[in-house]
Amino acid sequence: MIGVELSAGDWALACLLGAVMGLDEVSWPQAMWSRPIVAGTLGGMLFGAPAAGCLVGVWLEFVLSRHPSFGGARHPEIGPASFTAGAAYAVAGGGAPAGIVAAVVVGWA
């Protein structure tokens, strides 16, 4: 699945889902769609590999669960990053061990 060509509709859907992930974290609807396990799965689902996206989401959920927001401290924007990491790992084929490391680093950055 490496080198996937995206149609204009796929790009629009990816941008819309990324925007919803960003809004879900800070504004509306706050339905937990921006959690890494959900966002990663949706990113993988866009490219036909929801299990690969879910795997990245689980890793990012594990890594970022130790970063609670206290008081006025800002937390990282994990929704769009997890969506992107899940999609990137799904495009990479979902089986390369180096791909999971790269996807987690992309999602964590």
PDB file of N, CA and C in Angstrom:
ATOM      1  N   MET A   1       0.818  -1.191   0.000  1.00  0.00           N
ATOM      2  CA  MET A   1       0.000   0.000   0.000  1.00  0.00           C
ATOM      3  C   MET A   1       0.869   1.265   0.000  1.00  0.00           C
ATOM      4  N   ILE A   2       2.167   1.097  -0.159  1.00  0.00           N
ATOM      5  CA  ILE A   2       3.069   2.242  -0.152  1.00  0.00           C
ATOM      6  C   ILE A   2       2.885   3.028  -1.442  1.00  0.00           C
ATOM      7  N   GLY A   3       2.884   4.335  -1.346  1.00  0.00           N
ATOM      8  CA  GLY A   3       2.708   5.192  -2.500  1.00  0.00           C
ATOM      9  C   GLY A   3       1.266   5.327  -2.925  1.00  0.00           C
ATOM     10  N   VAL A   4       0.375   5.386  -1.978  1.00  0.00           N
ATOM     11  CA  VAL A   4      -1.055   5.483  -2.255  1.00  0.00           C
ATOM     12  C   VAL A   4      -1.383   6.858  -2.817  1.00  0.00           C
ATOM     13  N   GLU A   5      -2.131   6.874  -3.900  1.00  0.00           N
ATOM     14  CA  GLU A   5      -2.608   8.128  -4.475  1.00  0.00           C
ATOM     15  C   GLU A   5      -3.946   8.484  -3.846  1.00  0.00           C
ATOM     16  N   LEU A   6      -4.061   9.683  -3.330  1.00  0.00           N
ATOM     17  CA  LEU A   6      -5.311  10.123  -2.713  1.00  0.00           C
ATOM     18  C   LEU A   6      -6.118  10.956  -3.694  1.00  0.00           C
ATOM     19  N   SER A   7      -7.392  10.686  -3.743  1.00  0.00           N
ATOM     20  CA  SER A   7      -8.277  11.507  -4.564  1.00  0.00           C
ATOM     21  C   SER A   7      -8.601  12.787  -3.805  1.00  0.00           C
ATOM     22  N   ALA A   8      -9.232  13.711  -4.479  1.00  0.00           N
ATOM     23  CA  ALA A   8      -9.614  14.972  -3.829  1.00  0.00           C
ATOM     24  C   ALA A   8     -10.599  14.720  -2.689  1.00  0.00           C
ATOM     25  N   GLY A   9     -11.467  13.747  -2.861  1.00  0.00           N
ATOM     26  CA  GLY A   9     -12.420  13.405  -1.803  1.00  0.00           C
ATOM     27  C   GLY A   9     -11.733  12.840  -0.571  1.00  0.00           C
ATOM     28  N   ASP A  10     -10.687  12.002  -0.789  1.00  0.00           N
ATOM     29  CA  ASP A  10      -9.931  11.462   0.347  1.00  0.00           C
ATOM     30  C   ASP A  10      -9.195  12.567   1.095  1.00  0.00           C
ATOM     31  N   TRP A  11      -8.609  13.511   0.347  1.00  0.00           N
ATOM     32  CA  TRP A  11      -7.937  14.649   0.981  1.00  0.00           C
ATOM     33  C   TRP A  11      -8.926  15.473   1.793  1.00  0.00           C
ATOM     34  N   ALA A  12     -10.091  15.713   1.221  1.00  0.00           N
ATOM     35  CA  ALA A  12     -11.102  16.505   1.930  1.00  0.00           C
ATOM     36  C   ALA A  12     -11.560  15.787   3.195  1.00  0.00           C
ATOM     37  N   LEU A  13     -11.758  14.474   3.109  1.00  0.00           N
ATOM     38  CA  LEU A  13     -12.169  13.704   4.281  1.00  0.00           C
ATOM     39  C   LEU A  13     -11.080  13.700   5.347  1.00  0.00           C
ATOM     40  N   ALA A  14      -9.827  13.544   4.928  1.00  0.00           N
ATOM     41  CA  ALA A  14      -8.718  13.566   5.883  1.00  0.00           C
ATOM     42  C   ALA A  14      -8.614  14.922   6.575  1.00  0.00           C
ATOM     43  N   CYS A  15      -8.752  15.995   5.821  1.00  0.00           N
ATOM     44  CA  CYS A  15      -8.700  17.340   6.420  1.00  0.00           C
ATOM     45  C   CYS A  15      -9.870  17.571   7.364  1.00  0.00           C
ATOM     46  N   LEU A  16     -11.044  17.120   6.971  1.00  0.00           N
ATOM     47  CA  LEU A  16     -12.223  17.275   7.823  1.00  0.00           C
ATOM     48  C   LEU A  16     -12.073  16.489   9.123  1.00  0.00           C
ATOM     49  N   LEU A  17     -11.619  15.240   9.027  1.00  0.00           N
ATOM     50  CA  LEU A  17     -11.427  14.434  10.231  1.00  0.00           C
ATOM     51  C   LEU A  17     -10.335  15.018  11.128  1.00  0.00           C
ATOM     52  N   GLY A  18      -9.254  15.512  10.533  1.00  0.00           N
ATOM     53  CA  GLY A  18      -8.208  16.158  11.331  1.00  0.00           C
ATOM     54  C   GLY A  18      -8.720  17.393  12.048  1.00  0.00           C
ATOM     55  N   ALA A  19      -9.556  18.164  11.375  1.00  0.00           N
ATOM     56  CA  ALA A  19     -10.137  19.353  12.011  1.00  0.00           C
ATOM     57  C   ALA A  19     -11.081  18.968  13.143  1.00  0.00           C
ATOM     58  N   VAL A  20     -11.862  17.918  12.935  1.00  0.00           N
ATOM     59  CA  VAL A  20     -12.771  17.455  13.997  1.00  0.00           C
ATOM     60  C   VAL A  20     -11.970  16.968  15.199  1.00  0.00           C
ATOM     61  N   MET A  21     -10.849  16.284  14.950  1.00  0.00           N
ATOM     62  CA  MET A  21      -9.998  15.834  16.059  1.00  0.00           C
ATOM     63  C   MET A  21      -9.466  17.024  16.851  1.00  0.00           C
ATOM     64  N   GLY A  22      -9.051  18.070  16.144  1.00  0.00           N
ATOM     65  CA  GLY A  22      -8.560  19.264  16.824  1.00  0.00           C
ATOM     66  C   GLY A  22      -9.648  19.979  17.603  1.00  0.00           C
ATOM     67  N   LEU A  23     -10.832  20.088  17.022  1.00  0.00           N
ATOM     68  CA  LEU A  23     -11.946  20.739  17.717  1.00  0.00           C
ATOM     69  C   LEU A  23     -12.425  19.919  18.908  1.00  0.00           C
ATOM     70  N   ASP A  24     -12.405  18.619  18.770  1.00  0.00           N
ATOM     71  CA  ASP A  24     -12.890  17.753  19.838  1.00  0.00           C
ATOM     72  C   ASP A  24     -12.071  17.928  21.113  1.00  0.00           C
ATOM     73  N   GLU A  25     -10.792  18.233  20.963  1.00  0.00           N
ATOM     74  CA  GLU A  25      -9.939  18.404  22.137  1.00  0.00           C
ATOM     75  C   GLU A  25     -10.249  19.667  22.916  1.00  0.00           C
ATOM     76  N   VAL A  26     -10.592  20.730  22.226  1.00  0.00           N
ATOM     77  CA  VAL A  26     -10.682  22.024  22.905  1.00  0.00           C
ATOM     78  C   VAL A  26     -12.064  22.653  22.921  1.00  0.00           C
ATOM     79  N   SER A  27     -12.939  22.271  22.018  1.00  0.00           N
ATOM     80  CA  SER A  27     -14.185  23.008  21.902  1.00  0.00           C
ATOM     81  C   SER A  27     -15.391  22.086  21.835  1.00  0.00           C
ATOM     82  N   TRP A  28     -15.734  21.679  20.648  1.00  0.00           N
ATOM     83  CA  TRP A  28     -16.948  20.917  20.425  1.00  0.00           C
ATOM     84  C   TRP A  28     -16.631  19.685  19.616  1.00  0.00           C
ATOM     85  N   PRO A  29     -17.173  18.573  19.773  1.00  0.00           N
ATOM     86  CA  PRO A  29     -18.212  18.112  20.690  1.00  0.00           C
ATOM     87  C   PRO A  29     -17.664  17.473  21.959  1.00  0.00           C
ATOM     88  N   GLN A  30     -16.351  17.351  22.094  1.00  0.00           N
ATOM     89  CA  GLN A  30     -15.700  16.694  23.230  1.00  0.00           C
ATOM     90  C   GLN A  30     -16.287  15.307  23.473  1.00  0.00           C
ATOM     91  N   ALA A  31     -16.264  14.508  22.437  1.00  0.00           N
ATOM     92  CA  ALA A  31     -16.814  13.153  22.474  1.00  0.00           C
ATOM     93  C   ALA A  31     -15.713  12.098  22.521  1.00  0.00           C
ATOM     94  N   MET A  32     -14.492  12.500  22.882  1.00  0.00           N
ATOM     95  CA  MET A  32     -13.338  11.604  23.005  1.00  0.00           C
ATOM     96  C   MET A  32     -12.846  11.074  21.652  1.00  0.00           C
ATOM     97  N   TRP A  33     -13.235  11.698  20.553  1.00  0.00           N
ATOM     98  CA  TRP A  33     -12.725  11.293  19.244  1.00  0.00           C
ATOM     99  C   TRP A  33     -11.258  11.632  19.100  1.00  0.00           C
ATOM    100  N   SER A  34     -10.778  12.585  19.889  1.00  0.00           N
ATOM    101  CA  SER A  34      -9.391  13.002  19.779  1.00  0.00           C
ATOM    102  C   SER A  34      -8.450  12.134  20.601  1.00  0.00           C
ATOM    103  N   ARG A  35      -8.951  11.162  21.327  1.00  0.00           N
ATOM    104  CA  ARG A  35      -8.081  10.238  22.054  1.00  0.00           C
ATOM    105  C   ARG A  35      -7.275   9.447  21.028  1.00  0.00           C
ATOM    106  N   PRO A  36      -6.010   9.156  21.320  1.00  0.00           N
ATOM    107  CA  PRO A  36      -5.158   8.496  20.327  1.00  0.00           C
ATOM    108  C   PRO A  36      -5.700   7.174  19.800  1.00  0.00           C
ATOM    109  N   ILE A  37      -6.336   6.379  20.638  1.00  0.00           N
ATOM    110  CA  ILE A  37      -6.812   5.074  20.167  1.00  0.00           C
ATOM    111  C   ILE A  37      -7.930   5.234  19.131  1.00  0.00           C
ATOM    112  N   VAL A  38      -8.776   6.236  19.307  1.00  0.00           N
ATOM    113  CA  VAL A  38      -9.864   6.480  18.355  1.00  0.00           C
ATOM    114  C   VAL A  38      -9.335   7.188  17.111  1.00  0.00           C
ATOM    115  N   ALA A  39      -8.536   8.231  17.312  1.00  0.00           N
ATOM    116  CA  ALA A  39      -8.014   9.003  16.178  1.00  0.00           C
ATOM    117  C   ALA A  39      -7.094   8.155  15.304  1.00  0.00           C
ATOM    118  N   GLY A  40      -6.234   7.342  15.919  1.00  0.00           N
ATOM    119  CA  GLY A  40      -5.355   6.470  15.146  1.00  0.00           C
ATOM    120  C   GLY A  40      -6.130   5.452  14.335  1.00  0.00           C
ATOM    121  N   THR A  41      -7.174   4.885  14.946  1.00  0.00           N
ATOM    122  CA  THR A  41      -8.006   3.915  14.235  1.00  0.00           C
ATOM    123  C   THR A  41      -8.710   4.561  13.049  1.00  0.00           C
ATOM    124  N   LEU A  42      -9.217   5.776  13.231  1.00  0.00           N
ATOM    125  CA  LEU A  42      -9.862   6.476  12.113  1.00  0.00           C
ATOM    126  C   LEU A  42      -8.863   6.793  11.006  1.00  0.00           C
ATOM    127  N   GLY A  43      -7.640   7.172  11.383  1.00  0.00           N
ATOM    128  CA  GLY A  43      -6.608   7.425  10.383  1.00  0.00           C
ATOM    129  C   GLY A  43      -6.255   6.177   9.602  1.00  0.00           C
ATOM    130  N   GLY A  44      -6.152   5.047  10.295  1.00  0.00           N
ATOM    131  CA  GLY A  44      -5.889   3.783   9.611  1.00  0.00           C
ATOM    132  C   GLY A  44      -7.051   3.337   8.753  1.00  0.00           C
ATOM    133  N   MET A  45      -8.269   3.598   9.232  1.00  0.00           N
ATOM    134  CA  MET A  45      -9.468   3.209   8.493  1.00  0.00           C
ATOM    135  C   MET A  45      -9.567   3.956   7.162  1.00  0.00           C
ATOM    136  N   LEU A  46      -9.080   5.179   7.137  1.00  0.00           N
ATOM    137  CA  LEU A  46      -9.113   5.966   5.906  1.00  0.00           C
ATOM    138  C   LEU A  46      -8.317   5.281   4.797  1.00  0.00           C
ATOM    139  N   PHE A  47      -7.252   4.555   5.173  1.00  0.00           N
ATOM    140  CA  PHE A  47      -6.417   3.872   4.186  1.00  0.00           C
ATOM    141  C   PHE A  47      -6.631   2.367   4.164  1.00  0.00           C
ATOM    142  N   GLY A  48      -7.711   1.905   4.783  1.00  0.00           N
ATOM    143  CA  GLY A  48      -8.067   0.500   4.702  1.00  0.00           C
ATOM    144  C   GLY A  48      -7.335  -0.419   5.660  1.00  0.00           C
ATOM    145  N   ALA A  49      -6.706   0.134   6.699  1.00  0.00           N
ATOM    146  CA  ALA A  49      -6.004  -0.692   7.683  1.00  0.00           C
ATOM    147  C   ALA A  49      -6.310  -0.189   9.091  1.00  0.00           C
ATOM    148  N   PRO A  50      -7.552  -0.368   9.553  1.00  0.00           N
ATOM    149  CA  PRO A  50      -7.898   0.147  10.881  1.00  0.00           C
ATOM    150  C   PRO A  50      -7.119  -0.509  12.010  1.00  0.00           C
ATOM    151  N   ALA A  51      -6.719  -1.775  11.844  1.00  0.00           N
ATOM    152  CA  ALA A  51      -5.948  -2.441  12.897  1.00  0.00           C
ATOM    153  C   ALA A  51      -4.571  -1.798  13.057  1.00  0.00           C
ATOM    154  N   ALA A  52      -3.953  -1.411  11.951  1.00  0.00           N
ATOM    155  CA  ALA A  52      -2.655  -0.737  12.022  1.00  0.00           C
ATOM    156  C   ALA A  52      -2.794   0.616  12.707  1.00  0.00           C
ATOM    157  N   GLY A  53      -3.836   1.359  12.376  1.00  0.00           N
ATOM    158  CA  GLY A  53      -4.071   2.642  13.028  1.00  0.00           C
ATOM    159  C   GLY A  53      -4.371   2.483  14.503  1.00  0.00           C
ATOM    160  N   CYS A  54      -5.104   1.434  14.855  1.00  0.00           N
ATOM    161  CA  CYS A  54      -5.422   1.174  16.259  1.00  0.00           C
ATOM    162  C   CYS A  54      -4.158   0.829  17.038  1.00  0.00           C
ATOM    163  N   LEU A  55      -3.249   0.081  16.430  1.00  0.00           N
ATOM    164  CA  LEU A  55      -1.990  -0.260  17.089  1.00  0.00           C
ATOM    165  C   LEU A  55      -1.195   0.991  17.428  1.00  0.00           C
ATOM    166  N   VAL A  56      -1.093   1.909  16.483  1.00  0.00           N
ATOM    167  CA  VAL A  56      -0.406   3.177  16.747  1.00  0.00           C
ATOM    168  C   VAL A  56      -1.146   3.961  17.823  1.00  0.00           C
ATOM    169  N   GLY A  57      -2.469   3.963  17.754  1.00  0.00           N
ATOM    170  CA  GLY A  57      -3.257   4.669  18.756  1.00  0.00           C
ATOM    171  C   GLY A  57      -3.044   4.133  20.158  1.00  0.00           C
ATOM    172  N   VAL A  58      -2.942   2.813  20.282  1.00  0.00           N
ATOM    173  CA  VAL A  58      -2.693   2.208  21.597  1.00  0.00           C
ATOM    174  C   VAL A  58      -1.332   2.629  22.127  1.00  0.00           C
ATOM    175  N   TRP A  59      -0.320   2.611  21.263  1.00  0.00           N
ATOM    176  CA  TRP A  59       1.011   3.036  21.691  1.00  0.00           C
ATOM    177  C   TRP A  59       1.011   4.496  22.123  1.00  0.00           C
ATOM    178  N   LEU A  60       0.385   5.356  21.340  1.00  0.00           N
ATOM    179  CA  LEU A  60       0.354   6.776  21.702  1.00  0.00           C
ATOM    180  C   LEU A  60      -0.480   7.016  22.954  1.00  0.00           C
ATOM    181  N   GLU A  61      -1.554   6.283  23.110  1.00  0.00           N
ATOM    182  CA  GLU A  61      -2.365   6.399  24.331  1.00  0.00           C
ATOM    183  C   GLU A  61      -1.521   6.036  25.547  1.00  0.00           C
ATOM    184  N   PHE A  62      -0.742   4.980  25.416  1.00  0.00           N
ATOM    185  CA  PHE A  62       0.125   4.547  26.506  1.00  0.00           C
ATOM    186  C   PHE A  62       1.181   5.604  26.827  1.00  0.00           C
ATOM    187  N   VAL A  63       1.824   6.135  25.804  1.00  0.00           N
ATOM    188  CA  VAL A  63       2.889   7.120  26.013  1.00  0.00           C
ATOM    189  C   VAL A  63       2.336   8.429  26.567  1.00  0.00           C
ATOM    190  N   LEU A  64       1.213   8.885  26.035  1.00  0.00           N
ATOM    191  CA  LEU A  64       0.686  10.196  26.414  1.00  0.00           C
ATOM    192  C   LEU A  64      -0.242  10.165  27.619  1.00  0.00           C
ATOM    193  N   SER A  65      -0.542   8.985  28.149  1.00  0.00           N
ATOM    194  CA  SER A  65      -1.410   8.932  29.327  1.00  0.00           C
ATOM    195  C   SER A  65      -0.722   9.483  30.562  1.00  0.00           C
ATOM    196  N   ARG A  66       0.567   9.617  30.521  1.00  0.00           N
ATOM    197  CA  ARG A  66       1.317  10.165  31.646  1.00  0.00           C
ATOM    198  C   ARG A  66       1.479  11.675  31.544  1.00  0.00           C
ATOM    199  N   HIS A  67       0.716  12.323  30.692  1.00  0.00           N
ATOM    200  CA  HIS A  67       0.836  13.768  30.501  1.00  0.00           C
ATOM    201  C   HIS A  67      -0.505  14.442  30.780  1.00  0.00           C
ATOM    202  N   PRO A  68      -0.935  14.454  32.051  1.00  0.00           N
ATOM    203  CA  PRO A  68      -2.209  15.123  32.357  1.00  0.00           C
ATOM    204  C   PRO A  68      -2.041  16.638  32.367  1.00  0.00           C
ATOM    205  N   SER A  69      -3.118  17.333  32.127  1.00  0.00           N
ATOM    206  CA  SER A  69      -3.051  18.797  32.188  1.00  0.00           C
ATOM    207  C   SER A  69      -3.510  19.246  33.572  1.00  0.00           C
ATOM    208  N   PHE A  70      -2.714  20.059  34.200  1.00  0.00           N
ATOM    209  CA  PHE A  70      -3.021  20.577  35.527  1.00  0.00           C
ATOM    210  C   PHE A  70      -3.188  22.082  35.452  1.00  0.00           C
ATOM    211  N   GLY A  71      -4.232  22.599  36.059  1.00  0.00           N
ATOM    212  CA  GLY A  71      -4.432  24.044  36.114  1.00  0.00           C
ATOM    213  C   GLY A  71      -4.496  24.659  34.733  1.00  0.00           C
ATOM    214  N   GLY A  72      -3.648  25.644  34.511  1.00  0.00           N
ATOM    215  CA  GLY A  72      -3.633  26.348  33.233  1.00  0.00           C
ATOM    216  C   GLY A  72      -2.627  25.781  32.246  1.00  0.00           C
ATOM    217  N   ALA A  73      -2.015  24.638  32.571  1.00  0.00           N
ATOM    218  CA  ALA A  73      -1.011  24.053  31.688  1.00  0.00           C
ATOM    219  C   ALA A  73      -1.668  23.501  30.426  1.00  0.00           C
ATOM    220  N   ARG A  74      -1.018  23.703  29.307  1.00  0.00           N
ATOM    221  CA  ARG A  74      -1.532  23.193  28.030  1.00  0.00           C
ATOM    222  C   ARG A  74      -1.072  21.759  27.831  1.00  0.00           C
ATOM    223  N   HIS A  75      -1.948  20.945  27.340  1.00  0.00           N
ATOM    224  CA  HIS A  75      -1.567  19.589  26.988  1.00  0.00           C
ATOM    225  C   HIS A  75      -1.292  19.520  25.493  1.00  0.00           C
ATOM    226  N   PRO A  76      -0.538  18.524  25.046  1.00  0.00           N
ATOM    227  CA  PRO A  76      -0.244  18.430  23.616  1.00  0.00           C
ATOM    228  C   PRO A  76      -1.500  18.145  22.798  1.00  0.00           C
ATOM    229  N   GLU A  77      -1.502  18.615  21.584  1.00  0.00           N
ATOM    230  CA  GLU A  77      -2.620  18.371  20.660  1.00  0.00           C
ATOM    231  C   GLU A  77      -2.459  16.964  20.090  1.00  0.00           C
ATOM    232  N   ILE A  78      -3.029  16.000  20.772  1.00  0.00           N
ATOM    233  CA  ILE A  78      -2.786  14.610  20.407  1.00  0.00           C
ATOM    234  C   ILE A  78      -3.758  14.065  19.366  1.00  0.00           C
ATOM    235  N   GLY A  79      -4.899  14.691  19.183  1.00  0.00           N
ATOM    236  CA  GLY A  79      -5.894  14.183  18.238  1.00  0.00           C
ATOM    237  C   GLY A  79      -5.410  14.184  16.800  1.00  0.00           C
ATOM    238  N   PRO A  80      -5.069  15.358  16.242  1.00  0.00           N
ATOM    239  CA  PRO A  80      -4.589  15.381  14.862  1.00  0.00           C
ATOM    240  C   PRO A  80      -3.283  14.608  14.671  1.00  0.00           C
ATOM    241  N   ALA A  81      -2.405  14.632  15.686  1.00  0.00           N
ATOM    242  CA  ALA A  81      -1.141  13.896  15.578  1.00  0.00           C
ATOM    243  C   ALA A  81      -1.383  12.393  15.539  1.00  0.00           C
ATOM    244  N   SER A  82      -2.298  11.899  16.351  1.00  0.00           N
ATOM    245  CA  SER A  82      -2.611  10.467  16.360  1.00  0.00           C
ATOM    246  C   SER A  82      -3.287  10.047  15.061  1.00  0.00           C
ATOM    247  N   PHE A  83      -4.153  10.895  14.542  1.00  0.00           N
ATOM    248  CA  PHE A  83      -4.810  10.622  13.263  1.00  0.00           C
ATOM    249  C   PHE A  83      -3.768  10.504  12.154  1.00  0.00           C
ATOM    250  N   THR A  84      -2.823  11.439  12.125  1.00  0.00           N
ATOM    251  CA  THR A  84      -1.770  11.432  11.115  1.00  0.00           C
ATOM    252  C   THR A  84      -0.860  10.222  11.276  1.00  0.00           C
ATOM    253  N   ALA A  85      -0.494   9.904  12.518  1.00  0.00           N
ATOM    254  CA  ALA A  85       0.382   8.756  12.760  1.00  0.00           C
ATOM    255  C   ALA A  85      -0.303   7.450  12.363  1.00  0.00           C
ATOM    256  N   GLY A  86      -1.581   7.303  12.672  1.00  0.00           N
ATOM    257  CA  GLY A  86      -2.316   6.102  12.280  1.00  0.00           C
ATOM    258  C   GLY A  86      -2.412   5.962  10.777  1.00  0.00           C
ATOM    259  N   ALA A  87      -2.657   7.068  10.097  1.00  0.00           N
ATOM    260  CA  ALA A  87      -2.725   7.044   8.635  1.00  0.00           C
ATOM    261  C   ALA A  87      -1.360   6.725   8.030  1.00  0.00           C
ATOM    262  N   ALA A  88      -0.290   7.303   8.589  1.00  0.00           N
ATOM    263  CA  ALA A  88       1.051   7.058   8.064  1.00  0.00           C
ATOM    264  C   ALA A  88       1.452   5.595   8.226  1.00  0.00           C
ATOM    265  N   TYR A  89       1.132   5.013   9.366  1.00  0.00           N
ATOM    266  CA  TYR A  89       1.470   3.604   9.582  1.00  0.00           C
ATOM    267  C   TYR A  89       0.635   2.695   8.691  1.00  0.00           C
ATOM    268  N   ALA A  90      -0.605   3.055   8.451  1.00  0.00           N
ATOM    269  CA  ALA A  90      -1.451   2.265   7.552  1.00  0.00           C
ATOM    270  C   ALA A  90      -0.911   2.309   6.129  1.00  0.00           C
ATOM    271  N   VAL A  91      -0.448   3.471   5.689  1.00  0.00           N
ATOM    272  CA  VAL A  91       0.117   3.601   4.344  1.00  0.00           C
ATOM    273  C   VAL A  91       1.423   2.821   4.240  1.00  0.00           C
ATOM    274  N   ALA A  92       2.202   2.769   5.344  1.00  0.00           N
ATOM    275  CA  ALA A  92       3.469   2.034   5.339  1.00  0.00           C
ATOM    276  C   ALA A  92       3.265   0.527   5.266  1.00  0.00           C
ATOM    277  N   GLY A  93       2.056   0.071   5.394  1.00  0.00           N
ATOM    278  CA  GLY A  93       1.781  -1.349   5.289  1.00  0.00           C
ATOM    279  C   GLY A  93       1.362  -1.976   6.600  1.00  0.00           C
ATOM    280  N   GLY A  94       1.626  -1.318   7.698  1.00  0.00           N
ATOM    281  CA  GLY A  94       1.187  -1.800   8.992  1.00  0.00           C
ATOM    282  C   GLY A  94       1.941  -2.996   9.523  1.00  0.00           C
ATOM    283  N   GLY A  95       3.056  -3.361   8.911  1.00  0.00           N
ATOM    284  CA  GLY A  95       3.780  -4.523   9.392  1.00  0.00           C
ATOM    285  C   GLY A  95       5.241  -4.267   9.696  1.00  0.00           C
ATOM    286  N   ALA A  96       5.752  -3.138   9.292  1.00  0.00           N
ATOM    287  CA  ALA A  96       7.165  -2.852   9.487  1.00  0.00           C
ATOM    288  C   ALA A  96       7.426  -2.387  10.915  1.00  0.00           C
ATOM    289  N   PRO A  97       8.338  -3.047  11.641  1.00  0.00           N
ATOM    290  CA  PRO A  97       8.638  -2.603  13.010  1.00  0.00           C
ATOM    291  C   PRO A  97       9.170  -1.177  13.060  1.00  0.00           C
ATOM    292  N   ALA A  98       9.954  -0.793  12.062  1.00  0.00           N
ATOM    293  CA  ALA A  98      10.456   0.581  12.037  1.00  0.00           C
ATOM    294  C   ALA A  98       9.323   1.562  11.792  1.00  0.00           C
ATOM    295  N   GLY A  99       8.270   1.120  11.127  1.00  0.00           N
ATOM    296  CA  GLY A  99       7.129   1.992  10.855  1.00  0.00           C
ATOM    297  C   GLY A  99       6.382   2.374  12.109  1.00  0.00           C
ATOM    298  N   ILE A 100       6.238   1.446  13.052  1.00  0.00           N
ATOM    299  CA  ILE A 100       5.536   1.771  14.294  1.00  0.00           C
ATOM    300  C   ILE A 100       6.340   2.773  15.104  1.00  0.00           C
ATOM    301  N   VAL A 101       7.663   2.623  15.108  1.00  0.00           N
ATOM    302  CA  VAL A 101       8.512   3.581  15.824  1.00  0.00           C
ATOM    303  C   VAL A 101       8.397   4.950  15.179  1.00  0.00           C
ATOM    304  N   ALA A 102       8.453   5.002  13.856  1.00  0.00           N
ATOM    305  CA  ALA A 102       8.333   6.284  13.162  1.00  0.00           C
ATOM    306  C   ALA A 102       6.970   6.908  13.390  1.00  0.00           C
ATOM    307  N   ALA A 103       5.916   6.111  13.374  1.00  0.00           N
ATOM    308  CA  ALA A 103       4.571   6.652  13.575  1.00  0.00           C
ATOM    309  C   ALA A 103       4.397   7.191  14.983  1.00  0.00           C
ATOM    310  N   VAL A 104       4.940   6.494  15.982  1.00  0.00           N
ATOM    311  CA  VAL A 104       4.840   6.978  17.360  1.00  0.00           C
ATOM    312  C   VAL A 104       5.642   8.256  17.530  1.00  0.00           C
ATOM    313  N   VAL A 105       6.817   8.330  16.910  1.00  0.00           N
ATOM    314  CA  VAL A 105       7.616   9.559  16.990  1.00  0.00           C
ATOM    315  C   VAL A 105       6.885  10.708  16.315  1.00  0.00           C
ATOM    316  N   VAL A 106       6.256  10.457  15.166  1.00  0.00           N
ATOM    317  CA  VAL A 106       5.485  11.501  14.483  1.00  0.00           C
ATOM    318  C   VAL A 106       4.318  11.949  15.349  1.00  0.00           C
ATOM    319  N   GLY A 107       3.643  11.018  15.966  1.00  0.00           N
ATOM    320  CA  GLY A 107       2.514  11.360  16.819  1.00  0.00           C
ATOM    321  C   GLY A 107       2.918  12.049  18.098  1.00  0.00           C
ATOM    322  N   TRP A 108       4.109  11.754  18.594  1.00  0.00           N
ATOM    323  CA  TRP A 108       4.577  12.327  19.845  1.00  0.00           C
ATOM    324  C   TRP A 108       5.156  13.718  19.646  1.00  0.00           C
ATOM    325  N   ALA A 109       5.647  13.997  18.452  1.00  0.00           N
ATOM    326  CA  ALA A 109       6.335  15.270  18.196  1.00  0.00           C
ATOM    327  C   ALA A 109       5.413  16.445  18.154  1.00  0.00           C
TER     328      ALA A 109
END
